[in-house]
Protein backbone atom coordinates (compact mmCIF):
# COMPACT_ATOMS: atom_id res chain seq x y z
CA MET A 1 41.20 32.90 -16.24
CA GLN A 2 40.54 36.16 -17.98
CA ARG A 3 41.88 35.65 -21.79
CA ALA A 4 42.53 38.84 -24.41
CA LEU A 5 42.62 38.75 -27.71
CA ILE A 6 45.47 41.07 -28.87
CA VAL A 7 44.73 42.39 -32.52
CA ILE A 8 48.13 43.50 -33.88
CA ASP A 9 48.78 45.59 -37.31
CA VAL A 10 45.86 44.72 -39.25
CA GLN A 11 46.39 47.50 -40.84
CA GLU A 12 46.25 49.76 -44.17
CA SER A 13 49.37 50.40 -44.17
CA PHE A 14 50.63 46.61 -45.62
CA ARG A 15 47.82 46.70 -48.36
CA GLN A 16 50.01 49.70 -49.83
CA ARG A 17 52.98 47.74 -50.29
CA PRO A 18 53.84 45.69 -53.25
CA ASN A 19 54.49 42.32 -51.76
CA TRP A 20 50.79 42.69 -50.14
CA ALA A 21 49.96 40.90 -53.67
CA ALA A 22 51.90 37.65 -52.29
CA THR A 23 50.76 37.72 -49.01
CA SER A 24 50.10 34.58 -47.50
CA ASN A 25 46.13 35.37 -46.31
CA PRO A 26 44.54 38.11 -48.06
CA GLN A 27 41.72 37.85 -45.67
CA VAL A 28 43.47 38.12 -42.80
CA ALA A 29 40.80 40.71 -41.93
CA ASP A 30 38.03 38.49 -41.81
CA GLN A 31 39.84 36.03 -39.73
CA VAL A 32 40.36 38.29 -37.48
CA ASP A 33 37.12 39.67 -37.34
CA ARG A 34 35.99 36.23 -36.61
CA LEU A 35 37.98 36.42 -33.26
CA VAL A 36 36.80 39.47 -32.10
CA ALA A 37 33.11 38.53 -32.19
CA HIS A 38 33.98 35.29 -30.29
CA ALA A 39 35.88 36.98 -28.02
CA ARG A 40 33.42 39.76 -27.37
CA ALA A 41 30.57 36.93 -27.11
CA ALA A 42 32.76 35.52 -24.63
CA GLY A 43 33.38 38.34 -22.91
CA ASP A 44 36.82 38.76 -23.00
CA LEU A 45 38.93 41.90 -23.32
CA VAL A 46 39.42 42.92 -27.15
CA VAL A 47 43.20 45.41 -27.50
CA TRP A 48 43.66 46.83 -30.79
CA VAL A 49 47.60 47.63 -31.94
CA LEU A 50 48.66 49.69 -34.47
CA HIS A 51 52.15 50.05 -35.87
CA SER A 52 53.23 53.50 -36.58
CA GLU A 53 56.44 55.22 -37.82
CA PRO A 54 56.27 59.10 -37.53
CA GLY A 55 58.14 61.14 -39.88
CA THR A 56 59.52 58.37 -42.37
CA GLY A 57 57.55 58.95 -44.92
CA ASN A 58 56.69 55.48 -45.72
CA VAL A 59 53.40 53.74 -45.67
CA PHE A 60 53.57 53.32 -41.79
CA ASP A 61 53.80 57.64 -41.36
CA PRO A 62 50.65 58.07 -39.93
CA ALA A 63 50.77 61.00 -41.96
CA ARG A 64 50.19 59.76 -44.94
CA GLY A 65 46.82 57.87 -43.62
CA PHE A 66 47.29 54.37 -43.85
CA VAL A 67 47.74 53.70 -40.21
CA ARG A 68 44.21 52.73 -39.82
CA TYR A 69 42.48 49.18 -39.61
CA ILE A 70 41.84 47.34 -42.79
CA GLU A 71 38.14 48.17 -43.28
CA GLY A 72 35.63 46.06 -41.75
CA LEU A 73 37.80 45.78 -38.51
CA LYS A 74 36.83 48.28 -36.34
CA PRO A 75 36.96 48.77 -32.13
CA GLU A 76 34.05 49.12 -29.83
CA PRO A 77 33.64 51.72 -27.56
CA GLY A 78 36.14 50.97 -24.02
CA GLU A 79 38.19 48.51 -26.04
CA PRO A 80 41.93 49.51 -25.75
CA GLU A 81 43.70 51.08 -28.88
CA LEU A 82 47.58 51.26 -28.58
CA VAL A 83 50.01 52.40 -31.29
CA LYS A 84 53.64 50.95 -31.19
CA THR A 85 56.61 51.98 -32.90
CA SER A 86 58.71 48.52 -31.83
CA HIS A 87 57.86 45.15 -33.04
CA ASN A 88 56.05 43.91 -30.15
CA ALA A 89 53.38 44.96 -29.23
CA PHE A 90 54.60 45.59 -25.44
CA THR A 91 57.65 47.56 -25.59
CA THR A 92 56.59 51.31 -26.21
CA THR A 93 52.94 50.95 -25.30
CA ASN A 94 51.01 50.17 -21.36
CA LEU A 95 49.65 46.80 -23.38
CA HIS A 96 51.47 44.65 -20.07
CA GLN A 97 49.49 47.57 -17.52
CA ILE A 98 46.35 46.97 -19.50
CA LEU A 99 46.35 42.98 -19.22
CA THR A 100 47.55 43.22 -15.70
CA GLN A 101 44.97 45.56 -14.73
CA GLN A 102 42.08 43.35 -16.13
CA GLY A 103 43.82 40.33 -14.47
CA VAL A 104 44.67 38.41 -17.96
CA GLY A 105 46.14 35.25 -17.62
CA GLU A 106 46.14 34.02 -21.53
CA VAL A 107 46.53 36.11 -24.61
CA VAL A 108 45.39 34.97 -27.91
CA ILE A 109 47.31 36.55 -30.85
CA SER A 110 46.46 37.48 -34.57
CA GLY A 111 47.60 39.99 -36.73
CA ILE A 112 50.16 40.97 -39.20
CA ARG A 113 53.04 39.60 -39.70
CA THR A 114 53.21 36.13 -38.59
CA GLU A 115 56.93 35.98 -38.22
CA GLN A 116 57.67 39.36 -37.33
CA CYS A 117 54.99 41.50 -34.83
CA CYS A 118 53.20 38.88 -34.11
CA GLU A 119 55.43 36.38 -32.98
CA THR A 120 58.15 39.01 -30.91
CA THR A 121 54.67 39.91 -28.85
CA ALA A 122 53.85 36.09 -28.69
CA ARG A 123 57.37 35.50 -27.29
CA VAL A 124 57.60 38.49 -24.90
CA ALA A 125 54.09 37.70 -23.34
CA SER A 126 55.40 33.96 -22.44
CA ASP A 127 58.46 35.54 -21.07
CA LEU A 128 56.05 37.95 -18.99
CA GLY A 129 54.27 34.68 -17.70
CA PHE A 130 51.12 34.83 -20.15
CA ASP A 131 49.73 31.39 -21.29
CA VAL A 132 49.86 32.34 -24.94
CA VAL A 133 47.48 31.06 -28.07
CA PHE A 134 48.89 31.69 -31.60
CA VAL A 135 46.57 31.93 -33.98
CA THR A 136 48.28 30.95 -37.13
CA ASP A 137 45.28 31.10 -39.43
CA ALA A 138 44.35 34.73 -38.32
CA THR A 139 47.98 36.00 -39.24
CA ALA A 140 49.30 36.88 -42.25
CA THR A 141 52.75 37.18 -43.41
CA HIS A 142 54.96 37.83 -46.93
CA PRO A 143 57.78 36.06 -48.89
CA ILE A 144 61.28 36.84 -46.88
CA PRO A 145 63.71 37.48 -49.31
CA HIS A 146 67.45 36.21 -48.82
CA ARG A 147 69.83 38.98 -46.43
CA ASP A 148 71.87 39.21 -49.30
CA ALA A 149 69.16 40.35 -52.20
CA ASP A 150 68.78 43.56 -53.74
CA PRO A 151 66.11 45.06 -51.75
CA ASP A 152 64.88 47.23 -54.64
CA ARG A 153 64.01 43.99 -56.99
CA PRO A 154 60.17 43.67 -58.04
CA LEU A 155 58.06 41.37 -56.47
CA ASP A 156 58.25 38.61 -59.17
CA ALA A 157 62.07 38.95 -59.08
CA VAL A 158 61.81 38.22 -55.21
CA LEU A 159 59.04 35.36 -55.62
CA ALA A 160 61.09 33.49 -58.23
CA ASP A 161 64.33 33.50 -56.66
CA PRO A 162 64.94 29.74 -55.02
CA LEU A 163 66.40 31.60 -51.84
CA THR A 164 64.01 33.55 -51.43
CA LEU A 165 61.73 31.99 -47.81
CA GLN A 166 58.30 31.28 -49.36
CA THR A 167 55.27 31.88 -46.67
CA ALA A 168 54.42 28.53 -45.89
CA ASP A 169 57.97 28.11 -44.84
CA VAL A 170 57.89 31.26 -42.60
CA ILE A 171 54.48 29.98 -41.30
CA ALA A 172 55.94 26.63 -40.72
CA ARG A 173 59.14 27.99 -38.90
CA THR A 174 57.02 30.06 -37.16
CA GLU A 175 55.16 27.45 -35.63
CA TYR A 176 58.11 25.12 -34.89
CA ALA A 177 59.44 28.28 -33.19
CA LEU A 178 56.61 28.83 -30.91
CA ALA A 179 55.27 25.31 -30.05
CA GLY A 180 55.58 23.92 -26.82
CA ARG A 181 58.22 27.00 -25.96
CA PHE A 182 56.38 30.07 -26.17
CA ALA A 183 52.61 29.45 -27.24
CA THR A 184 50.09 27.17 -28.14
CA ILE A 185 49.15 26.82 -31.64
CA SER A 186 45.88 27.06 -32.61
CA THR A 187 43.08 28.08 -35.69
CA VAL A 188 40.30 30.18 -35.69
CA ASP A 189 38.35 27.34 -35.58
CA GLU A 190 39.34 26.01 -32.64
CA VAL A 191 39.49 28.98 -30.49
CA THR A 192 35.91 30.11 -31.44
CA ALA A 193 34.91 26.41 -30.30
CA ARG A 194 36.05 26.71 -26.90
């Protein structure tokens, strides 16, 4: 079965936000790079995805210059590069077409944010019939404030709030939600040992 590694939103935009200081995995680009090297050596397809919000003026607006891969990550010629405007990597791109044309049956998910774009992509991929491997330690996320919390609070207030969902809890909940339903949960070491 042909495999594809999907690298989702490992982009400079996230490093420009104040909550990057509380990211679960500041070395996510290094972990993704290990997966990329393994996929290339195995002859697997590597698909690169960036998130864009044109016209918003925020860090995901391409006009700001941050919608680019974190330094150290670079697609090789021929590796598909997609730009999405939805949370999952399928809805606003031709990812499904690319995977189908390449005969891909299994997708390996990595990127930023664990419970948002990565999890959503994993769920859609599963619904489309792909076997999904979710590489949690090649993803990153941030603390999630309570839905009723002031969205303009500084990071230290978010972290101190007992209602904030901390990164370890976000990751655990994501794994619980995906495992056995939508994906096989894996680590970089497990994937690269295959």
